[in-house]
C-alpha atoms as a PDB file:
ATOM      1  CA  UNK A   1      -0.222  -0.060   0.066  1.00  0.00           C
ATOM      2  CA  UNK A   2       2.966   2.563   0.563  1.00  0.00           C
ATOM      3  CA  UNK A   3       4.699   1.117  -2.377  1.00  0.00           C
ATOM      4  CA  UNK A   4       1.816   2.093  -4.444  1.00  0.00           C
ATOM      5  CA  UNK A   5       1.200   5.533  -2.613  1.00  0.00           C
ATOM      6  CA  UNK A   6       4.871   6.191  -3.387  1.00  0.00           C
ATOM      7  CA  UNK A   7       4.616   5.762  -6.570  1.00  0.00           C
ATOM      8  CA  UNK A   8       1.593   7.847  -7.317  1.00  0.00           C
ATOM      9  CA  UNK A   9       3.081  10.657  -5.941  1.00  0.00           C
ATOM     10  CA  UNK A  10       6.090  10.098  -7.968  1.00  0.00           C
ATOM     11  CA  UNK A  11       3.622   9.959 -11.229  1.00  0.00           C
ATOM     12  CA  UNK A  12       2.012  12.711 -10.176  1.00  0.00           C
ATOM     13  CA  UNK A  13       5.590  14.929 -10.012  1.00  0.00           C
ATOM     14  CA  UNK A  14       6.533  13.767 -13.155  1.00  0.00           C
ATOM     15  CA  UNK A  15       3.264  14.886 -14.713  1.00  0.00           C
ATOM     16  CA  UNK A  16       3.647  18.407 -13.295  1.00  0.00           C
ATOM     17  CA  UNK A  17       7.516  18.745 -14.344  1.00  0.00           C
ATOM     18  CA  UNK A  18       6.279  17.281 -18.096  1.00  0.00           C
ATOM     19  CA  UNK A  19       3.007  18.849 -18.933  1.00  0.00           C
ATOM     20  CA  UNK A  20       2.959  22.513 -19.066  1.00  0.00           C
ATOM     21  CA  UNK A  21       0.164  24.790 -20.426  1.00  0.00           C
ATOM     22  CA  UNK A  22       1.477  28.447 -21.863  1.00  0.00           C
ATOM     23  CA  UNK A  23      -1.191  31.006 -21.360  1.00  0.00           C
ATOM     24  CA  UNK A  24      -2.180  33.181 -24.781  1.00  0.00           C
ATOM     25  CA  UNK A  25       0.184  36.245 -25.315  1.00  0.00           C
ATOM     26  CA  UNK A  26       3.111  34.553 -23.195  1.00  0.00           C
ATOM     27  CA  UNK A  27       6.253  32.892 -24.118  1.00  0.00           C
ATOM     28  CA  UNK A  28       8.716  30.443 -21.977  1.00  0.00           C
ATOM     29  CA  UNK A  29      12.006  29.720 -22.177  1.00  0.00           C
ATOM     30  CA  UNK A  30      13.165  26.293 -21.485  1.00  0.00           C
ATOM     31  CA  UNK A  31      16.663  25.112 -20.685  1.00  0.00           C
ATOM     32  CA  UNK A  32      18.168  21.780 -20.652  1.00  0.00           C
ATOM     33  CA  UNK A  33      20.357  20.878 -18.280  1.00  0.00           C
ATOM     34  CA  UNK A  34      21.540  24.973 -18.065  1.00  0.00           C
ATOM     35  CA  UNK A  35      21.204  25.017 -21.898  1.00  0.00           C
ATOM     36  CA  UNK A  36      18.721  26.815 -23.922  1.00  0.00           C
ATOM     37  CA  UNK A  37      16.122  24.573 -25.424  1.00  0.00           C
ATOM     38  CA  UNK A  38      13.541  26.195 -27.232  1.00  0.00           C
ATOM     39  CA  UNK A  39      10.892  28.600 -26.323  1.00  0.00           C
ATOM     40  CA  UNK A  40       7.456  27.310 -25.527  1.00  0.00           C
ATOM     41  CA  UNK A  41       4.327  28.784 -27.483  1.00  0.00           C
ATOM     42  CA  UNK A  42       0.572  29.429 -25.843  1.00  0.00           C
ATOM     43  CA  UNK A  43      -0.718  26.136 -25.804  1.00  0.00           C
ATOM     44  CA  UNK A  44      -0.149  22.591 -24.264  1.00  0.00           C
ATOM     45  CA  UNK A  45       3.558  21.831 -23.867  1.00  0.00           C
ATOM     46  CA  UNK A  46       5.583  18.406 -22.550  1.00  0.00           C
ATOM     47  CA  UNK A  47       9.343  18.561 -21.330  1.00  0.00           C
ATOM     48  CA  UNK A  48      11.507  15.852 -19.532  1.00  0.00           C
ATOM     49  CA  UNK A  49      11.544  16.021 -15.764  1.00  0.00           C
ATOM     50  CA  UNK A  50      14.085  16.712 -14.112  1.00  0.00           C
ATOM     51  CA  UNK A  51      15.829  17.327 -17.374  1.00  0.00           C
ATOM     52  CA  UNK A  52      14.259  20.234 -18.533  1.00  0.00           C
ATOM     53  CA  UNK A  53      12.983  23.301 -16.455  1.00  0.00           C
ATOM     54  CA  UNK A  54      11.435  26.809 -17.556  1.00  0.00           C
ATOM     55  CA  UNK A  55      13.979  29.287 -17.044  1.00  0.00           C
ATOM     56  CA  UNK A  56      11.849  32.515 -17.816  1.00  0.00           C
ATOM     57  CA  UNK A  57       8.810  33.677 -18.647  1.00  0.00           C
ATOM     58  CA  UNK A  58       7.856  36.595 -20.807  1.00  0.00           C
ATOM     59  CA  UNK A  59       4.339  38.469 -21.428  1.00  0.00           C
ATOM     60  CA  UNK A  60       4.097  38.891 -24.986  1.00  0.00           C
ATOM     61  CA  UNK A  61       1.746  42.132 -24.279  1.00  0.00           C
ATOM     62  CA  UNK A  62       2.494  46.141 -24.967  1.00  0.00           C
ATOM     63  CA  UNK A  63       4.200  47.185 -21.719  1.00  0.00           C
ATOM     64  CA  UNK A  64       4.009  50.877 -20.408  1.00  0.00           C
ATOM     65  CA  UNK A  65       7.220  52.242 -18.324  1.00  0.00           C
ATOM     66  CA  UNK A  66       6.960  54.792 -16.465  1.00  0.00           C
ATOM     67  CA  UNK A  67      10.329  56.847 -16.541  1.00  0.00           C
ATOM     68  CA  UNK A  68      11.466  58.054 -13.513  1.00  0.00           C
ATOM     69  CA  UNK A  69      11.562  62.226 -13.338  1.00  0.00           C
ATOM     70  CA  UNK A  70      15.007  63.826 -14.059  1.00  0.00           C
ATOM     71  CA  UNK A  71      16.619  67.307 -14.655  1.00  0.00           C
ATOM     72  CA  UNK A  72      17.441  68.070 -18.055  1.00  0.00           C
ATOM     73  CA  UNK A  73      19.472  71.306 -18.964  1.00  0.00           C
ATOM     74  CA  UNK A  74      18.565  72.929 -22.086  1.00  0.00           C
ATOM     75  CA  UNK A  75      20.778  74.609 -25.073  1.00  0.00           C
ATOM     76  CA  UNK A  76      20.262  77.743 -23.077  1.00  0.00           C
ATOM     77  CA  UNK A  77      21.211  76.596 -19.917  1.00  0.00           C
ATOM     78  CA  UNK A  78      17.491  75.932 -18.667  1.00  0.00           C
ATOM     79  CA  UNK A  79      16.761  73.643 -16.018  1.00  0.00           C
ATOM     80  CA  UNK A  80      13.753  71.206 -17.106  1.00  0.00           C
ATOM     81  CA  UNK A  81      12.220  68.097 -14.685  1.00  0.00           C
ATOM     82  CA  UNK A  82      11.466  65.845 -17.103  1.00  0.00           C
ATOM     83  CA  UNK A  83       9.459  62.836 -16.955  1.00  0.00           C
ATOM     84  CA  UNK A  84       7.597  60.282 -19.032  1.00  0.00           C
ATOM     85  CA  UNK A  85       5.997  57.075 -20.083  1.00  0.00           C
ATOM     86  CA  UNK A  86       7.484  54.283 -22.635  1.00  0.00           C
ATOM     87  CA  UNK A  87       5.253  51.583 -24.248  1.00  0.00           C
ATOM     88  CA  UNK A  88       7.751  48.660 -25.326  1.00  0.00           C
ATOM     89  CA  UNK A  89       6.711  44.626 -26.206  1.00  0.00           C
ATOM     90  CA  UNK A  90       9.263  41.955 -26.044  1.00  0.00           C
ATOM     91  CA  UNK A  91       9.083  40.092 -29.618  1.00  0.00           C
ATOM     92  CA  UNK A  92      12.113  37.283 -28.989  1.00  0.00           C
ATOM     93  CA  UNK A  93      11.607  35.705 -25.865  1.00  0.00           C
ATOM     94  CA  UNK A  94      15.177  34.339 -25.997  1.00  0.00           C
ATOM     95  CA  UNK A  95      17.039  37.580 -26.606  1.00  0.00           C
ATOM     96  CA  UNK A  96      14.986  39.321 -23.876  1.00  0.00           C
ATOM     97  CA  UNK A  97      16.246  36.117 -21.473  1.00  0.00           C
ATOM     98  CA  UNK A  98      19.818  36.149 -22.430  1.00  0.00           C
ATOM     99  CA  UNK A  99      20.476  39.591 -23.909  1.00  0.00           C
ATOM    100  CA  UNK A 100      20.595  41.719 -20.638  1.00  0.00           C
ATOM    101  CA  UNK A 101      19.924  40.968 -17.300  1.00  0.00           C
ATOM    102  CA  UNK A 102      17.483  43.424 -16.829  1.00  0.00           C
ATOM    103  CA  UNK A 103      16.185  44.646 -20.173  1.00  0.00           C
ATOM    104  CA  UNK A 104      13.530  46.826 -18.169  1.00  0.00           C
ATOM    105  CA  UNK A 105      16.097  48.552 -16.268  1.00  0.00           C
ATOM    106  CA  UNK A 106      18.407  48.976 -19.403  1.00  0.00           C
ATOM    107  CA  UNK A 107      15.538  50.247 -21.315  1.00  0.00           C
ATOM    108  CA  UNK A 108      14.798  52.900 -18.649  1.00  0.00           C
ATOM    109  CA  UNK A 109      18.193  54.083 -18.297  1.00  0.00           C
ATOM    110  CA  UNK A 110      18.847  54.805 -21.973  1.00  0.00           C
ATOM    111  CA  UNK A 111      15.396  56.510 -21.761  1.00  0.00           C
ATOM    112  CA  UNK A 112      16.828  58.460 -19.533  1.00  0.00           C
ATOM    113  CA  UNK A 113      20.243  59.447 -21.307  1.00  0.00           C
ATOM    114  CA  UNK A 114      18.644  59.551 -24.643  1.00  0.00           C
ATOM    115  CA  UNK A 115      16.007  62.377 -23.577  1.00  0.00           C
ATOM    116  CA  UNK A 116      18.911  64.274 -21.636  1.00  0.00           C
ATOM    117  CA  UNK A 117      20.835  64.379 -25.047  1.00  0.00           C
ATOM    118  CA  UNK A 118      17.868  65.325 -27.116  1.00  0.00           C
ATOM    119  CA  UNK A 119      16.674  67.954 -24.952  1.00  0.00           C
ATOM    120  CA  UNK A 120      20.314  69.699 -24.495  1.00  0.00           C
ATOM    121  CA  UNK A 121      19.940  70.593 -28.397  1.00  0.00           C
ATOM    122  CA  UNK A 122      17.180  72.578 -27.978  1.00  0.00           C
ATOM    123  CA  UNK A 123      16.523  75.908 -26.564  1.00  0.00           C
ATOM    124  CA  UNK A 124      13.450  75.911 -23.658  1.00  0.00           C
ATOM    125  CA  UNK A 125      10.904  77.233 -26.044  1.00  0.00           C
ATOM    126  CA  UNK A 126      11.224  74.809 -28.250  1.00  0.00           C
ATOM    127  CA  UNK A 127      11.223  71.955 -26.013  1.00  0.00           C
ATOM    128  CA  UNK A 128       7.801  72.769 -25.578  1.00  0.00           C
ATOM    129  CA  UNK A 129       6.903  73.506 -29.061  1.00  0.00           C
ATOM    130  CA  UNK A 130       8.529  70.361 -30.700  1.00  0.00           C
ATOM    131  CA  UNK A 131       7.347  67.227 -28.441  1.00  0.00           C
ATOM    132  CA  UNK A 132       6.672  65.268 -31.265  1.00  0.00           C
ATOM    133  CA  UNK A 133      10.219  65.352 -32.325  1.00  0.00           C
ATOM    134  CA  UNK A 134      11.831  64.599 -28.771  1.00  0.00           C
ATOM    135  CA  UNK A 135       9.204  61.461 -28.272  1.00  0.00           C
ATOM    136  CA  UNK A 136      10.717  60.580 -32.173  1.00  0.00           C
ATOM    137  CA  UNK A 137      14.175  60.427 -31.314  1.00  0.00           C
ATOM    138  CA  UNK A 138      14.128  58.920 -28.007  1.00  0.00           C
ATOM    139  CA  UNK A 139      11.905  56.145 -29.638  1.00  0.00           C
ATOM    140  CA  UNK A 140      14.589  55.663 -33.075  1.00  0.00           C
ATOM    141  CA  UNK A 141      17.851  55.880 -30.124  1.00  0.00           C
ATOM    142  CA  UNK A 142      16.019  53.409 -28.153  1.00  0.00           C
ATOM    143  CA  UNK A 143      14.912  50.810 -30.626  1.00  0.00           C
ATOM    144  CA  UNK A 144      18.127  50.937 -32.292  1.00  0.00           C
ATOM    145  CA  UNK A 145      19.699  49.207 -28.893  1.00  0.00           C
ATOM    146  CA  UNK A 146      16.738  47.768 -27.797  1.00  0.00           C
ATOM    147  CA  UNK A 147      17.280  44.884 -30.644  1.00  0.00           C
ATOM    148  CA  UNK A 148      19.978  43.261 -28.753  1.00  0.00           C
ATOM    149  CA  UNK A 149      17.543  42.230 -25.871  1.00  0.00           C
ATOM    150  CA  UNK A 150      14.797  41.057 -27.909  1.00  0.00           C
ATOM    151  CA  UNK A 151      12.558  44.290 -27.556  1.00  0.00           C
ATOM    152  CA  UNK A 152      10.243  46.439 -29.692  1.00  0.00           C
ATOM    153  CA  UNK A 153      10.227  50.051 -28.206  1.00  0.00           C
ATOM    154  CA  UNK A 154       6.922  51.458 -29.481  1.00  0.00           C
ATOM    155  CA  UNK A 155       6.550  55.127 -28.810  1.00  0.00           C
ATOM    156  CA  UNK A 156       7.482  57.112 -26.058  1.00  0.00           C
ATOM    157  CA  UNK A 157       5.635  60.316 -24.762  1.00  0.00           C
ATOM    158  CA  UNK A 158       6.659  62.973 -22.511  1.00  0.00           C
ATOM    159  CA  UNK A 159       4.396  63.461 -19.638  1.00  0.00           C
ATOM    160  CA  UNK A 160       5.367  66.733 -17.878  1.00  0.00           C
ATOM    161  CA  UNK A 161       7.721  69.223 -18.525  1.00  0.00           C
ATOM    162  CA  UNK A 162       8.578  71.623 -15.652  1.00  0.00           C
ATOM    163  CA  UNK A 163      10.661  74.566 -16.113  1.00  0.00           C
ATOM    164  CA  UNK A 164      11.936  76.564 -12.608  1.00  0.00           C
ATOM    165  CA  UNK A 165       9.760  78.808 -10.543  1.00  0.00           C
ATOM    166  CA  UNK A 166      11.256  81.631 -12.205  1.00  0.00           C
ATOM    167  CA  UNK A 167      11.381  80.529 -15.936  1.00  0.00           C
ATOM    168  CA  UNK A 168       7.978  80.028 -15.328  1.00  0.00           C
ATOM    169  CA  UNK A 169       7.009  83.495 -13.777  1.00  0.00           C
ATOM    170  CA  UNK A 170       9.072  84.890 -16.384  1.00  0.00           C
ATOM    171  CA  UNK A 171       7.009  82.916 -19.018  1.00  0.00           C
ATOM    172  CA  UNK A 172       4.121  84.480 -17.665  1.00  0.00           C
ATOM    173  CA  UNK A 173       4.903  88.234 -17.603  1.00  0.00           C
ATOM    174  CA  UNK A 174       6.092  87.359 -21.386  1.00  0.00           C
ATOM    175  CA  UNK A 175       2.867  85.726 -22.081  1.00  0.00           C
ATOM    176  CA  UNK A 176       0.667  88.325 -20.137  1.00  0.00           C
ATOM    177  CA  UNK A 177       2.813  91.411 -21.984  1.00  0.00           C
ATOM    178  CA  UNK A 178       1.784  89.362 -25.515  1.00  0.00           C
ATOM    179  CA  UNK A 179      -1.912  89.456 -24.393  1.00  0.00           C
ATOM    180  CA  UNK A 180      -1.884  92.984 -23.921  1.00  0.00           C
ATOM    181  CA  UNK A 181       0.155  93.650 -26.799  1.00  0.00           C
ATOM    182  CA  UNK A 182      -2.818  91.955 -28.923  1.00  0.00           C
ATOM    183  CA  UNK A 183      -5.219  93.620 -27.267  1.00  0.00           C
ATOM    184  CA  UNK A 184      -3.845  96.933 -27.667  1.00  0.00           C
ATOM    185  CA  UNK A 185      -3.410  96.394 -31.315  1.00  0.00           C
ATOM    186  CA  UNK A 186      -6.915  95.163 -31.741  1.00  0.00           C
ATOM    187  CA  UNK A 187      -8.429  97.969 -29.855  1.00  0.00           C
ATOM    188  CA  UNK A 188      -6.059 100.591 -32.111  1.00  0.00           C
ATOM    189  CA  UNK A 189      -7.406  98.587 -35.366  1.00  0.00           C
ATOM    190  CA  UNK A 190     -10.971  98.837 -34.107  1.00  0.00           C
ATOM    191  CA  UNK A 191     -10.563 102.879 -33.400  1.00  0.00           C
ATOM    192  CA  UNK A 192      -8.918 103.039 -37.322  1.00  0.00           C
ATOM    193  CA  UNK A 193     -11.972 101.289 -38.236  1.00  0.00           C
ATOM    194  CA  UNK A 194     -14.224 103.378 -36.723  1.00  0.00           C
ATOM    195  CA  UNK A 195     -12.660 106.411 -38.042  1.00  0.00           C
ATOM    196  CA  UNK A 196     -12.621 105.288 -41.547  1.00  0.00           C
ATOM    197  CA  UNK A 197     -16.540 104.190 -41.030  1.00  0.00           C
ATOM    198  CA  UNK A 198     -17.418 107.354 -39.674  1.00  0.00           C
ATOM    199  CA  UNK A 199     -15.224 109.489 -42.372  1.00  0.00           C
ATOM    200  CA  UNK A 200     -16.693 107.381 -45.465  1.00  0.00           C
ATOM    201  CA  UNK A 201     -20.483 108.245 -43.578  1.00  0.00           C
ATOM    202  CA  UNK A 202     -19.422 112.127 -43.574  1.00  0.00           C
ATOM    203  CA  UNK A 203     -18.305 111.833 -47.361  1.00  0.00           C
ATOM    204  CA  UNK A 204     -21.589 109.646 -48.438  1.00  0.00           C
ATOM    205  CA  UNK A 205     -23.845 112.034 -46.602  1.00  0.00           C
ATOM    206  CA  UNK A 206     -21.947 115.540 -48.113  1.00  0.00           C
ATOM    207  CA  UNK A 207     -22.083 114.081 -51.677  1.00  0.00           C
ATOM    208  CA  UNK A 208     -25.656 113.330 -50.835  1.00  0.00           C
ATOM    209  CA  UNK A 209     -26.728 116.688 -49.714  1.00  0.00           C
ATOM    210  CA  UNK A 210     -24.851 118.149 -52.755  1.00  0.00           C
ATOM    211  CA  UNK A 211     -26.803 115.581 -54.889  1.00  0.00           C
ATOM    212  CA  UNK A 212     -30.027 116.896 -53.034  1.00  0.00           C
ATOM    213  CA  UNK A 213     -28.870 120.434 -53.425  1.00  0.00           C
ATOM    214  CA  UNK A 214     -27.997 120.460 -57.084  1.00  0.00           C
ATOM    215  CA  UNK A 215     -31.324 118.720 -57.693  1.00  0.00           C
ATOM    216  CA  UNK A 216     -33.298 121.165 -55.726  1.00  0.00           C
ATOM    217  CA  UNK A 217     -31.607 124.017 -58.002  1.00  0.00           C
ATOM    218  CA  UNK A 218     -32.037 122.534 -61.098  1.00  0.00           C
ATOM    219  CA  UNK A 219     -35.740 121.638 -60.129  1.00  0.00           C
ATOM    220  CA  UNK A 220     -36.121 125.516 -58.885  1.00  0.00           C
ATOM    221  CA  UNK A 221     -34.270 126.713 -62.489  1.00  0.00           C
ATOM    222  CA  UNK A 222     -36.823 124.796 -64.157  1.00  0.00           C
ATOM    223  CA  UNK A 223     -39.491 125.834 -62.279  1.00  0.00           C
ATOM    224  CA  UNK A 224     -38.561 129.603 -62.796  1.00  0.00           C
ATOM    225  CA  UNK A 225     -38.213 129.133 -66.641  1.00  0.00           C
ATOM    226  CA  UNK A 226     -41.609 127.634 -66.740  1.00  0.00           C
ATOM    227  CA  UNK A 227     -43.027 130.272 -64.817  1.00  0.00           C
ATOM    228  CA  UNK A 228     -41.389 132.927 -67.230  1.00  0.00           C
ATOM    229  CA  UNK A 229     -43.017 131.027 -70.357  1.00  0.00           C
ATOM    230  CA  UNK A 230     -46.013 131.450 -68.935  1.00  0.00           C
ATOM    231  CA  UNK A 231     -46.224 134.206 -68.383  1.00  0.00           C
ATOM    232  CA  UNK A 232     -45.075 135.502 -71.696  1.00  0.00           C
ATOM    233  CA  UNK A 233     -47.136 133.230 -73.268  1.00  0.00           C
ATOM    234  CA  UNK A 234     -49.865 134.779 -71.366  1.00  0.00           C
ATOM    235  CA  UNK A 235     -49.149 138.524 -71.856  1.00  0.00           C
ATOM    236  CA  UNK A 236     -48.351 137.396 -75.653  1.00  0.00           C
ATOM    237  CA  UNK A 237     -52.154 135.654 -75.697  1.00  0.00           C
ATOM    238  CA  UNK A 238     -53.488 139.084 -74.192  1.00  0.00           C
ATOM    239  CA  UNK A 239     -51.678 141.501 -76.701  1.00  0.00           C
ATOM    240  CA  UNK A 240     -53.021 139.289 -79.606  1.00  0.00           C
ATOM    241  CA  UNK A 241     -56.387 139.391 -77.827  1.00  0.00           C
ATOM    242  CA  UNK A 242     -55.983 143.572 -77.537  1.00  0.00           C
ATOM    243  CA  UNK A 243     -54.546 143.890 -80.906  1.00  0.00           C
ATOM    244  CA  UNK A 244     -57.781 141.455 -82.220  1.00  0.00           C
ATOM    245  CA  UNK A 245     -60.028 143.460 -80.311  1.00  0.00           C
ATOM    246  CA  UNK A 246     -58.806 146.925 -81.959  1.00  0.00           C
ATOM    247  CA  UNK A 247     -59.199 145.558 -85.286  1.00  0.00           C
ATOM    248  CA  UNK A 248     -62.976 144.747 -85.112  1.00  0.00           C
ATOM    249  CA  UNK A 249     -65.352 147.496 -86.171  1.00  0.00           C
ATOM    250  CA  UNK A 250     -65.662 150.232 -83.479  1.00  0.00           C
ATOM    251  CA  UNK A 251     -62.537 149.062 -82.095  1.00  0.00           C
ATOM    252  CA  UNK A 252     -60.634 152.345 -82.739  1.00  0.00           C
ATOM    253  CA  UNK A 253     -63.123 154.400 -80.892  1.00  0.00           C
ATOM    254  CA  UNK A 254     -63.419 152.336 -77.988  1.00  0.00           C
ATOM    255  CA  UNK A 255     -59.103 152.609 -77.614  1.00  0.00           C
ATOM    256  CA  UNK A 256     -59.712 156.732 -78.227  1.00  0.00           C
ATOM    257  CA  UNK A 257     -62.498 156.674 -75.558  1.00  0.00           C
ATOM    258  CA  UNK A 258     -60.211 154.411 -73.504  1.00  0.00           C
ATOM    259  CA  UNK A 259     -57.281 157.112 -74.169  1.00  0.00           C
ATOM    260  CA  UNK A 260     -59.219 159.934 -73.368  1.00  0.00           C
ATOM    261  CA  UNK A 261     -60.537 158.626 -70.340  1.00  0.00           C
ATOM    262  CA  UNK A 262     -56.883 157.954 -69.143  1.00  0.00           C
ATOM    263  CA  UNK A 263     -55.276 161.516 -70.105  1.00  0.00           C
ATOM    264  CA  UNK A 264     -58.695 163.071 -68.241  1.00  0.00           C
ATOM    265  CA  UNK A 265     -57.764 160.761 -65.154  1.00  0.00           C
ATOM    266  CA  UNK A 266     -54.128 161.996 -65.319  1.00  0.00           C
ATOM    267  CA  UNK A 267     -55.496 165.554 -65.461  1.00  0.00           C
ATOM    268  CA  UNK A 268     -58.019 165.120 -62.461  1.00  0.00           C
ATOM    269  CA  UNK A 269     -55.209 163.299 -60.482  1.00  0.00           C
ATOM    270  CA  UNK A 270     -52.564 166.692 -61.440  1.00  0.00           C
ATOM    271  CA  UNK A 271     -55.466 168.985 -60.313  1.00  0.00           C
ATOM    272  CA  UNK A 272     -56.977 167.393 -57.242  1.00  0.00           C
ATOM    273  CA  UNK A 273     -53.036 167.827 -55.724  1.00  0.00           C
ATOM    274  CA  UNK A 274     -53.275 171.091 -53.914  1.00  0.00           C
ATOM    275  CA  UNK A 275     -49.624 171.566 -53.744  1.00  0.00           C
ATOM    276  CA  UNK A 276     -49.177 171.072 -57.629  1.00  0.00           C
ATOM    277  CA  UNK A 277     -49.644 173.691 -59.908  1.00  0.00           C
ATOM    278  CA  UNK A 278     -51.324 172.730 -63.491  1.00  0.00           C
ATOM    279  CA  UNK A 279     -50.588 174.140 -66.625  1.00  0.00           C
ATOM    280  CA  UNK A 280     -53.504 173.658 -69.073  1.00  0.00           C
ATOM    281  CA  UNK A 281     -52.111 173.988 -72.763  1.00  0.00           C
ATOM    282  CA  UNK A 282     -53.377 177.524 -74.744  1.00  0.00           C
ATOM    283  CA  UNK A 283     -54.158 175.192 -77.661  1.00  0.00           C
ATOM    284  CA  UNK A 284     -56.313 172.023 -76.808  1.00  0.00           C
ATOM    285  CA  UNK A 285     -56.055 170.800 -80.127  1.00  0.00           C
ATOM    286  CA  UNK A 286     -52.651 169.857 -79.103  1.00  0.00           C
ATOM    287  CA  UNK A 287     -54.431 167.562 -76.878  1.00  0.00           C
ATOM    288  CA  UNK A 288     -55.912 166.003 -79.754  1.00  0.00           C
ATOM    289  CA  UNK A 289     -52.416 165.462 -81.393  1.00  0.00           C
ATOM    290  CA  UNK A 290     -51.751 163.458 -78.209  1.00  0.00           C
ATOM    291  CA  UNK A 291     -54.540 161.507 -78.443  1.00  0.00           C
ATOM    292  CA  UNK A 292     -53.780 161.196 -82.525  1.00  0.00           C
ATOM    293  CA  UNK A 293     -50.204 159.956 -81.695  1.00  0.00           C
ATOM    294  CA  UNK A 294     -51.926 157.155 -78.677  1.00  0.00           C
ATOM    295  CA  UNK A 295     -54.537 156.130 -81.670  1.00  0.00           C
ATOM    296  CA  UNK A 296     -51.463 155.904 -84.359  1.00  0.00           C
ATOM    297  CA  UNK A 297     -49.543 153.661 -81.906  1.00  0.00           C
ATOM    298  CA  UNK A 298     -52.519 151.466 -81.043  1.00  0.00           C
ATOM    299  CA  UNK A 299     -52.568 151.092 -85.183  1.00  0.00           C
ATOM    300  CA  UNK A 300     -49.169 149.370 -85.306  1.00  0.00           C
ATOM    301  CA  UNK A 301     -49.199 145.576 -86.224  1.00  0.00           C
ATOM    302  CA  UNK A 302     -48.577 143.207 -82.777  1.00  0.00           C
ATOM    303  CA  UNK A 303     -46.093 140.659 -83.623  1.00  0.00           C
ATOM    304  CA  UNK A 304     -45.200 138.184 -80.752  1.00  0.00           C
ATOM    305  CA  UNK A 305     -41.989 136.227 -80.108  1.00  0.00           C
ATOM    306  CA  UNK A 306     -42.431 132.862 -78.817  1.00  0.00           C
END
């Protein structure tokens, strides 16, 4: 009974030592008598008990690695506190096992030294503007060295760039001054545009007023001309009617009578004035001659110009 139990225990140990189940996205390095024998892929595998052993187990997923914060000096001798995060993946389990004693530490140290070198070539302002370039250069430098370690560096990202407090204060003042400058420029441009708009409006208003005054003057001149023509036409029609009336039978006698009445009326007004000395012609035929002259004038042909 005891022998059977011992044999059962030995069988269980043999099974445990020989049967291996590798999870997905994992790689196990097997050594046989201390020498590399092969790499187990995901799935069921069998080993020789007490001869083969799993020496290293590697995760093949993408692994984020936090790079410790460090002080870097820029080209213009400014100190920056920089930290970042690195993403890598094991691509060769055998190289990752034997290429470096600790590939994670090696990658971390190489990332720090490369970052210091890259930032040392840039000025302070460029470090904030060219993060993508810095990240790409760090990845390129680490990836070349990590090939011997069986590791592929995927990307590097700077998490924070922190300059000294004095530099931060100076940068804040610079930003404030720049914003104030932009505000002043915007205000001056606004005033300039306002003056232009006012001048343009005044000019257009002046032109409109002058055009209105011009049109009003034209309208007045046309109205006055039309009025003069109308008066002239009315006078001409009146003269034509008087002339036509004179040429009618009895017209001359009527004119003589009218002229005589006017002459008598004139003498009457002169005689009515006490301060006026009236001299009556000795020969009254002269009055008749005056009337005859007036009648001759009325007999002249009447012409009108239109």
